Amino acid sequence: MSEQSEAILVSEARRGDVAAFEALYKKHNTMVFRTAYAILRDRFGAEEVTQECFVRAYRSLQTVDAGASLGPWLHRIAVNLSYNWWKNARRHWVFPLQSALREVGLGHTESPLGALQQSELRDAVVNGLALLGFDQRVVVILFYYGGFSMEEIAYILDCPVGTVKSRLHYGRCNLKRQLQSIGEALPEVAYEF
C-alpha cells in the first residue's frame, strides 16, 4: 500500500468508513503487536495493547496528519500503552521474548549447526535484552526490530532525538556487555553493533 493510498484510507476512515479503517488495521496490526510483544514479553499483554492501540487510534483519527504514515503514530500509542501495562502489571513476565522472535520468523537456517548457532545467539540476545532497563530496551527494539529512524523513535517516545541516541548507545553498550559476560562461544556477529 502506497503512502497515497494510505492517505485515502485515512480520509475515508475519518468519514466513518469502517472498511477503510479495517484496511489500515490489517496493514499495521502485525507490526504493532510484534513491537508490543517484544517490549512486554507477554502475549496477553501485547494483545491487549494492540487492541487498545487501535481503539484509541480510531477515536483520535481526526488528529493525525492524513498525508503522514500511520506507523510511527500507532507505535507511539502502542509504546505508551506497553509502558503503562508493564508499569501497572508489576509481575514477572510469563512468555519469553524468544517466543516472540520465533513467531516473527527469526532464526530460519539451513543446517543443524547454523540452527544451533542461531539458537544460541537468539537466546543470548533475549537474555541480554531482558536485563536492559525499559527505556533502553524499547529504543533498541524500535531501532533494530522495528526499523524506525531516530527521528521516528523520538516521535514515538515523545522525547528529543538526542535522548533516543543516548538510550540506543547505552542500550547497545549494555547489551554488548551482557553478551560478552555470558562467555559462551557465540558467533562474532553478536558483538558487532
Protein backbone atom coordinates (compact mmCIF):
# COMPACT_ATOMS: atom_id res chain seq x y z
CA MET A 1 0.00 0.00 0.00
CA SER A 2 1.47 3.33 -1.02
CA GLU A 3 1.51 6.46 1.15
CA GLN A 4 -1.09 7.98 -1.18
CA SER A 5 -3.50 5.06 -0.82
CA GLU A 6 -2.96 5.10 2.96
CA ALA A 7 -3.87 8.80 3.00
CA ILE A 8 -7.06 7.99 1.07
CA LEU A 9 -7.92 5.26 3.58
CA VAL A 10 -7.32 7.66 6.48
CA SER A 11 -9.63 10.22 4.86
CA GLU A 12 -12.31 7.60 4.26
CA ALA A 13 -11.98 6.22 7.80
CA ARG A 14 -12.38 9.74 9.17
CA ARG A 15 -15.73 9.91 7.37
CA GLY A 16 -16.82 6.72 9.13
CA ASP A 17 -15.88 4.11 6.52
CA VAL A 18 -15.29 1.02 8.66
CA ALA A 19 -13.82 -0.93 5.73
CA ALA A 20 -11.15 1.75 5.27
CA PHE A 21 -10.17 1.56 8.94
CA GLU A 22 -10.14 -2.23 8.70
CA ALA A 23 -7.68 -1.96 5.79
CA LEU A 24 -5.46 0.31 7.90
CA TYR A 25 -5.73 -2.16 10.77
CA LYS A 26 -4.71 -5.06 8.54
CA LYS A 27 -1.71 -3.10 7.30
CA HIS A 28 -0.36 -2.14 10.74
CA ASN A 29 -1.67 -4.57 13.35
CA THR A 30 1.06 -7.20 12.96
CA MET A 31 3.94 -4.77 13.49
CA VAL A 32 2.16 -3.07 16.40
CA PHE A 33 1.56 -6.46 18.02
CA ARG A 34 5.15 -7.60 17.42
CA THR A 35 6.55 -4.42 18.91
CA ALA A 36 4.30 -4.67 21.97
CA TYR A 37 5.16 -8.35 22.34
CA ALA A 38 8.88 -7.69 22.09
CA ILE A 39 8.60 -4.98 24.75
CA LEU A 40 6.29 -6.80 27.15
CA ARG A 41 7.28 -10.40 26.51
CA ASP A 42 3.70 -11.34 27.29
CA ARG A 43 1.26 -12.43 24.59
CA PHE A 44 -1.83 -11.45 26.57
CA GLY A 45 -0.41 -8.02 27.32
CA ALA A 46 0.60 -7.49 23.69
CA GLU A 47 -2.88 -8.45 22.52
CA GLU A 48 -4.43 -6.02 24.99
CA VAL A 49 -2.05 -3.26 23.95
CA THR A 50 -2.70 -3.87 20.24
CA GLN A 51 -6.46 -3.83 20.71
CA GLU A 52 -6.39 -0.69 22.83
CA CYS A 53 -3.97 0.97 20.41
CA PHE A 54 -6.40 0.63 17.52
CA VAL A 55 -9.38 1.66 19.64
CA ARG A 56 -7.54 4.85 20.59
CA ALA A 57 -6.36 5.34 17.03
CA TYR A 58 -9.92 5.11 15.75
CA ARG A 59 -11.10 7.64 18.32
CA SER A 60 -8.24 10.03 17.51
CA LEU A 61 -8.01 9.56 13.76
CA GLN A 62 -9.10 13.17 13.25
CA THR A 63 -5.91 14.41 14.93
CA VAL A 64 -3.39 12.62 12.70
CA ASP A 65 -2.00 14.17 9.52
CA ALA A 66 -3.75 12.33 6.68
CA GLY A 67 -0.66 12.54 4.49
CA ALA A 68 1.75 11.07 7.05
CA SER A 69 2.45 7.39 7.57
CA LEU A 70 0.42 5.94 10.43
CA GLY A 71 3.22 3.57 11.51
CA PRO A 72 5.11 5.92 13.84
CA TRP A 73 1.89 7.37 15.28
CA LEU A 74 0.47 3.90 16.01
CA HIS A 75 3.76 2.78 17.54
CA ARG A 76 3.77 5.87 19.75
CA ILE A 77 0.39 4.84 21.09
CA ALA A 78 1.49 1.20 21.45
CA VAL A 79 4.73 2.05 23.27
CA ASN A 80 2.88 4.31 25.72
CA LEU A 81 0.28 1.62 26.33
CA SER A 82 3.03 -1.01 26.72
CA TYR A 83 4.78 1.16 29.26
CA ASN A 84 1.55 1.63 31.21
CA TRP A 85 0.75 -2.08 31.06
CA TRP A 86 4.28 -3.02 32.14
CA LYS A 87 4.28 -0.44 34.93
CA ASN A 88 0.85 -1.44 36.24
CA ALA A 89 1.32 -5.19 35.89
CA ARG A 90 4.26 -5.34 38.31
CA ARG A 91 4.61 -9.03 37.70
CA HIS A 92 7.11 -11.40 36.19
CA TRP A 93 6.73 -11.91 32.51
CA VAL A 94 5.38 -15.29 31.60
CA PHE A 95 6.25 -15.55 27.92
CA PRO A 96 9.91 -15.12 27.00
CA LEU A 97 10.96 -12.81 24.19
CA GLN A 98 12.47 -15.74 22.35
CA SER A 99 8.93 -16.98 21.69
CA ALA A 100 8.25 -13.65 20.01
CA LEU A 101 11.42 -13.97 17.96
CA ARG A 102 10.37 -17.42 16.83
CA GLU A 103 6.90 -16.15 15.93
CA VAL A 104 8.29 -13.41 13.72
CA GLY A 105 10.49 -15.85 11.85
CA LEU A 106 13.95 -15.01 13.15
CA GLY A 107 16.30 -17.92 13.16
CA HIS A 108 15.45 -19.82 10.00
CA THR A 109 18.63 -21.60 8.99
CA GLU A 110 19.52 -24.31 6.57
CA SER A 111 21.92 -26.55 8.55
CA PRO A 112 21.75 -28.07 12.04
CA LEU A 113 24.97 -26.23 13.00
CA GLY A 114 23.52 -22.96 11.72
CA ALA A 115 20.32 -23.62 13.65
CA LEU A 116 22.30 -24.26 16.83
CA GLN A 117 24.37 -21.10 16.39
CA GLN A 118 21.27 -19.08 15.62
CA SER A 119 19.50 -20.51 18.67
CA GLU A 120 22.45 -19.68 20.94
CA LEU A 121 22.66 -16.17 19.54
CA ARG A 122 18.91 -15.63 19.86
CA ASP A 123 18.93 -16.86 23.47
CA ALA A 124 21.88 -14.62 24.34
CA VAL A 125 20.23 -11.57 22.78
CA VAL A 126 16.91 -12.33 24.50
CA ASN A 127 18.65 -12.69 27.85
CA GLY A 128 20.64 -9.51 27.24
CA LEU A 129 17.53 -7.53 26.25
CA ALA A 130 15.72 -8.76 29.34
CA LEU A 131 18.44 -7.21 31.51
CA LEU A 132 18.21 -3.79 29.87
CA GLY A 133 16.14 -1.07 31.50
CA PHE A 134 12.75 -0.45 29.96
CA ASP A 135 13.76 2.80 28.20
CA GLN A 136 16.87 1.28 26.61
CA ARG A 137 15.07 -1.95 25.66
CA VAL A 138 12.27 -0.03 23.91
CA VAL A 139 14.70 2.06 21.85
CA VAL A 140 16.79 -0.98 20.86
CA ILE A 141 13.66 -2.89 19.83
CA LEU A 142 12.21 0.02 17.85
CA PHE A 143 15.52 0.72 16.08
CA TYR A 144 16.68 -2.82 15.26
CA TYR A 145 13.46 -4.78 15.29
CA GLY A 146 11.01 -2.13 14.12
CA GLY A 147 13.38 -0.47 11.66
CA PHE A 148 12.41 3.05 12.75
CA SER A 149 14.73 6.02 12.29
CA MET A 150 15.99 8.07 15.23
CA GLU A 151 13.51 10.82 14.38
CA GLU A 152 10.59 8.37 14.23
CA ILE A 153 11.59 6.84 17.57
CA ALA A 154 11.82 10.33 19.07
CA TYR A 155 8.28 10.96 17.85
CA ILE A 156 7.05 7.58 19.13
CA LEU A 157 8.57 8.13 22.57
CA ASP A 158 7.84 11.87 22.64
CA CYS A 159 11.42 12.77 23.52
CA PRO A 160 14.34 14.57 21.84
CA VAL A 161 16.40 12.77 19.19
CA GLY A 162 19.44 13.20 21.45
CA THR A 163 17.70 11.18 24.15
CA VAL A 164 16.97 8.42 21.64
CA LYS A 165 20.62 8.39 20.53
CA SER A 166 21.78 8.24 24.14
CA ARG A 167 19.41 5.41 25.06
CA LEU A 168 20.38 3.49 21.93
CA HIS A 169 24.08 3.98 22.62
CA TYR A 170 23.86 2.86 26.24
CA GLY A 171 21.46 0.08 25.34
CA ARG A 172 23.92 -1.27 22.76
CA CYS A 173 26.82 -0.95 25.20
CA ASN A 174 24.89 -2.73 27.95
CA LEU A 175 23.68 -5.41 25.56
CA LYS A 176 27.22 -5.95 24.28
CA ARG A 177 28.49 -6.21 27.86
CA GLN A 178 25.75 -8.74 28.66
CA LEU A 179 26.62 -10.82 25.60
CA GLN A 180 30.32 -10.75 26.45
CA SER A 181 29.68 -11.71 30.07
CA ILE A 182 27.81 -14.83 29.01
CA GLY A 183 31.17 -16.26 27.98
CA GLU A 184 29.69 -18.76 25.58
CA ALA A 185 31.08 -19.32 22.11
CA LEU A 186 28.79 -17.03 20.17
CA PRO A 187 29.19 -16.09 16.53
CA GLU A 188 31.25 -12.93 16.03
CA VAL A 189 28.27 -11.11 14.57
CA ALA A 190 26.76 -10.95 18.06
CA TYR A 191 29.33 -8.36 19.08
CA GLU A 192 29.05 -6.11 16.04
CA PHE A 193 26.69 -3.20 16.55
